[in-house]
Amino acid sequence: MNKEEIIKLAKESGCEIRNGHIYHEFSLDQMLKRFAKLVAENEREACAKICDKYNNLSAYEIRQRGQHD
């Protein structure tokens, strides 16, 4: 993941950075949990896409793992 992707996920989780300060619309605990979930989803999908290139059935298993979080 690059810096822009991380910032995008942080914004999706309710975080905003203004003037060097972090603002969040939820409690810090909620925001961090949402951010961690988005990062995990993003990484799972990146791994599944690699498996897709090789017609590997593991892609299905990787995507299914996210259904149990």
N, C-alpha and C. Protein backbone atom coordinates (compact mmCIF):
# COMPACT_ATOMS: atom_id res chain seq x y z
N MET A 1 0.84 -1.17 0.00
CA MET A 1 0.00 0.00 0.00
C MET A 1 0.89 1.24 0.00
N ASN A 2 0.46 2.21 -0.78
CA ASN A 2 1.23 3.45 -0.79
C ASN A 2 0.56 4.50 0.12
N LYS A 3 1.21 5.63 0.25
CA LYS A 3 0.75 6.68 1.16
C LYS A 3 -0.67 7.14 0.83
N GLU A 4 -0.97 7.31 -0.46
CA GLU A 4 -2.29 7.78 -0.87
C GLU A 4 -3.38 6.77 -0.49
N GLU A 5 -3.08 5.48 -0.65
CA GLU A 5 -4.05 4.45 -0.29
C GLU A 5 -4.30 4.43 1.22
N ILE A 6 -3.25 4.61 1.99
CA ILE A 6 -3.39 4.63 3.45
C ILE A 6 -4.24 5.83 3.88
N ILE A 7 -3.99 6.99 3.30
CA ILE A 7 -4.77 8.18 3.61
C ILE A 7 -6.23 7.98 3.24
N LYS A 8 -6.48 7.36 2.08
CA LYS A 8 -7.85 7.08 1.64
C LYS A 8 -8.56 6.19 2.66
N LEU A 9 -7.89 5.13 3.11
CA LEU A 9 -8.49 4.22 4.09
C LEU A 9 -8.72 4.92 5.42
N ALA A 10 -7.79 5.79 5.81
CA ALA A 10 -7.96 6.55 7.06
C ALA A 10 -9.19 7.45 6.98
N LYS A 11 -9.38 8.10 5.83
CA LYS A 11 -10.56 8.95 5.65
C LYS A 11 -11.84 8.12 5.68
N GLU A 12 -11.80 6.95 5.04
CA GLU A 12 -12.98 6.07 5.05
C GLU A 12 -13.32 5.61 6.46
N SER A 13 -12.32 5.53 7.31
CA SER A 13 -12.56 5.07 8.68
C SER A 13 -13.00 6.21 9.61
N GLY A 14 -13.08 7.43 9.07
CA GLY A 14 -13.55 8.56 9.86
C GLY A 14 -12.46 9.46 10.38
N CYS A 15 -11.29 9.38 9.82
CA CYS A 15 -10.15 10.19 10.26
C CYS A 15 -9.86 11.28 9.24
N GLU A 16 -9.49 12.43 9.74
CA GLU A 16 -9.11 13.53 8.86
C GLU A 16 -7.89 14.22 9.45
N ILE A 17 -6.96 14.57 8.59
CA ILE A 17 -5.76 15.27 9.04
C ILE A 17 -5.82 16.69 8.50
N ARG A 18 -5.80 17.65 9.43
CA ARG A 18 -5.82 19.07 9.06
C ARG A 18 -4.75 19.79 9.86
N ASN A 19 -3.94 20.54 9.18
CA ASN A 19 -2.90 21.34 9.83
C ASN A 19 -2.03 20.50 10.77
N GLY A 20 -1.75 19.27 10.37
CA GLY A 20 -0.89 18.42 11.17
C GLY A 20 -1.56 17.77 12.36
N HIS A 21 -2.87 17.95 12.50
CA HIS A 21 -3.62 17.36 13.61
C HIS A 21 -4.60 16.32 13.08
N ILE A 22 -4.83 15.28 13.86
CA ILE A 22 -5.76 14.23 13.48
C ILE A 22 -7.10 14.49 14.14
N TYR A 23 -8.15 14.49 13.32
CA TYR A 23 -9.51 14.64 13.82
C TYR A 23 -10.28 13.39 13.42
N HIS A 24 -11.15 12.92 14.29
CA HIS A 24 -11.93 11.73 13.96
C HIS A 24 -13.36 11.94 14.41
N GLU A 25 -14.28 11.43 13.58
CA GLU A 25 -15.71 11.65 13.87
C GLU A 25 -16.27 10.62 14.84
N PHE A 26 -15.50 9.57 15.13
CA PHE A 26 -15.90 8.55 16.08
C PHE A 26 -14.88 8.56 17.22
N SER A 27 -15.10 7.73 18.23
CA SER A 27 -14.09 7.62 19.28
C SER A 27 -12.82 7.08 18.65
N LEU A 28 -11.69 7.35 19.24
CA LEU A 28 -10.42 6.88 18.70
C LEU A 28 -10.42 5.37 18.57
N ASP A 29 -10.97 4.68 19.55
CA ASP A 29 -11.05 3.23 19.53
C ASP A 29 -11.84 2.74 18.33
N GLN A 30 -13.00 3.34 18.08
CA GLN A 30 -13.84 2.96 16.94
C GLN A 30 -13.12 3.24 15.63
N MET A 31 -12.50 4.40 15.53
CA MET A 31 -11.81 4.78 14.31
C MET A 31 -10.67 3.83 14.00
N LEU A 32 -9.90 3.46 15.02
CA LEU A 32 -8.78 2.55 14.80
C LEU A 32 -9.26 1.16 14.40
N LYS A 33 -10.35 0.70 14.99
CA LYS A 33 -10.90 -0.61 14.61
C LYS A 33 -11.38 -0.59 13.17
N ARG A 34 -12.05 0.48 12.78
CA ARG A 34 -12.52 0.61 11.39
C ARG A 34 -11.34 0.66 10.43
N PHE A 35 -10.30 1.41 10.80
CA PHE A 35 -9.11 1.51 9.95
C PHE A 35 -8.43 0.15 9.80
N ALA A 36 -8.26 -0.56 10.91
CA ALA A 36 -7.63 -1.88 10.86
C ALA A 36 -8.42 -2.84 9.98
N LYS A 37 -9.74 -2.78 10.07
CA LYS A 37 -10.58 -3.65 9.25
C LYS A 37 -10.42 -3.32 7.77
N LEU A 38 -10.40 -2.05 7.43
CA LEU A 38 -10.22 -1.65 6.03
C LEU A 38 -8.86 -2.06 5.48
N VAL A 39 -7.82 -1.91 6.31
CA VAL A 39 -6.48 -2.31 5.88
C VAL A 39 -6.45 -3.82 5.62
N ALA A 40 -7.03 -4.61 6.53
CA ALA A 40 -7.06 -6.06 6.36
C ALA A 40 -7.82 -6.45 5.10
N GLU A 41 -8.97 -5.80 4.85
CA GLU A 41 -9.75 -6.09 3.65
C GLU A 41 -8.94 -5.78 2.39
N ASN A 42 -8.25 -4.64 2.42
CA ASN A 42 -7.45 -4.22 1.28
C ASN A 42 -6.33 -5.20 1.00
N GLU A 43 -5.64 -5.63 2.02
CA GLU A 43 -4.53 -6.57 1.86
C GLU A 43 -5.02 -7.95 1.42
N ARG A 44 -6.17 -8.39 1.97
CA ARG A 44 -6.74 -9.68 1.56
C ARG A 44 -7.05 -9.67 0.08
N GLU A 45 -7.68 -8.59 -0.38
CA GLU A 45 -8.04 -8.50 -1.79
C GLU A 45 -6.80 -8.45 -2.68
N ALA A 46 -5.76 -7.76 -2.25
CA ALA A 46 -4.51 -7.72 -3.02
C ALA A 46 -3.93 -9.13 -3.16
N CYS A 47 -3.97 -9.91 -2.08
CA CYS A 47 -3.47 -11.28 -2.13
C CYS A 47 -4.34 -12.15 -3.04
N ALA A 48 -5.65 -11.98 -2.94
CA ALA A 48 -6.57 -12.76 -3.77
C ALA A 48 -6.37 -12.47 -5.25
N LYS A 49 -6.11 -11.21 -5.59
CA LYS A 49 -5.88 -10.85 -6.99
C LYS A 49 -4.63 -11.53 -7.54
N ILE A 50 -3.61 -11.67 -6.72
CA ILE A 50 -2.41 -12.38 -7.16
C ILE A 50 -2.75 -13.84 -7.43
N CYS A 51 -3.53 -14.45 -6.55
CA CYS A 51 -3.95 -15.85 -6.75
C CYS A 51 -4.80 -15.97 -8.01
N ASP A 52 -5.66 -14.98 -8.28
CA ASP A 52 -6.49 -15.00 -9.48
C ASP A 52 -5.65 -15.09 -10.75
N LYS A 53 -4.52 -14.41 -10.76
CA LYS A 53 -3.64 -14.42 -11.94
C LYS A 53 -3.18 -15.83 -12.30
N TYR A 54 -3.09 -16.67 -11.28
CA TYR A 54 -2.59 -18.03 -11.48
C TYR A 54 -3.71 -19.07 -11.40
N ASN A 55 -4.96 -18.59 -11.51
CA ASN A 55 -6.13 -19.47 -11.42
C ASN A 55 -6.05 -20.38 -10.19
N ASN A 56 -5.63 -19.79 -9.10
CA ASN A 56 -5.44 -20.53 -7.86
C ASN A 56 -6.72 -20.45 -7.04
N LEU A 57 -7.22 -21.58 -6.58
CA LEU A 57 -8.45 -21.61 -5.78
C LEU A 57 -8.29 -20.94 -4.43
N SER A 58 -7.07 -20.65 -4.03
CA SER A 58 -6.84 -19.98 -2.75
C SER A 58 -7.47 -18.59 -2.72
N ALA A 59 -7.67 -17.98 -3.88
CA ALA A 59 -8.28 -16.65 -3.93
C ALA A 59 -9.66 -16.68 -3.28
N TYR A 60 -10.43 -17.71 -3.56
CA TYR A 60 -11.76 -17.85 -2.96
C TYR A 60 -11.65 -17.96 -1.44
N GLU A 61 -10.71 -18.76 -0.97
CA GLU A 61 -10.53 -18.95 0.47
C GLU A 61 -10.09 -17.65 1.14
N ILE A 62 -9.23 -16.91 0.48
CA ILE A 62 -8.78 -15.63 1.04
C ILE A 62 -9.95 -14.67 1.17
N ARG A 63 -10.76 -14.58 0.12
CA ARG A 63 -11.91 -13.67 0.17
C ARG A 63 -12.93 -14.12 1.21
N GLN A 64 -13.13 -15.43 1.36
CA GLN A 64 -14.06 -15.94 2.35
C GLN A 64 -13.62 -15.61 3.77
N ARG A 65 -12.33 -15.56 3.99
CA ARG A 65 -11.82 -15.25 5.33
C ARG A 65 -12.36 -13.91 5.82
N GLY A 66 -12.49 -12.97 4.93
CA GLY A 66 -13.02 -11.65 5.29
C GLY A 66 -14.48 -11.67 5.70
N GLN A 67 -15.20 -12.71 5.31
CA GLN A 67 -16.62 -12.83 5.66
C GLN A 67 -16.82 -13.17 7.14
N HIS A 68 -15.76 -13.65 7.79
CA HIS A 68 -15.87 -14.09 9.19
C HIS A 68 -15.39 -13.04 10.18
N ASP A 69 -14.91 -11.89 9.71
CA ASP A 69 -14.38 -10.84 10.62
C ASP A 69 -15.49 -10.06 11.25
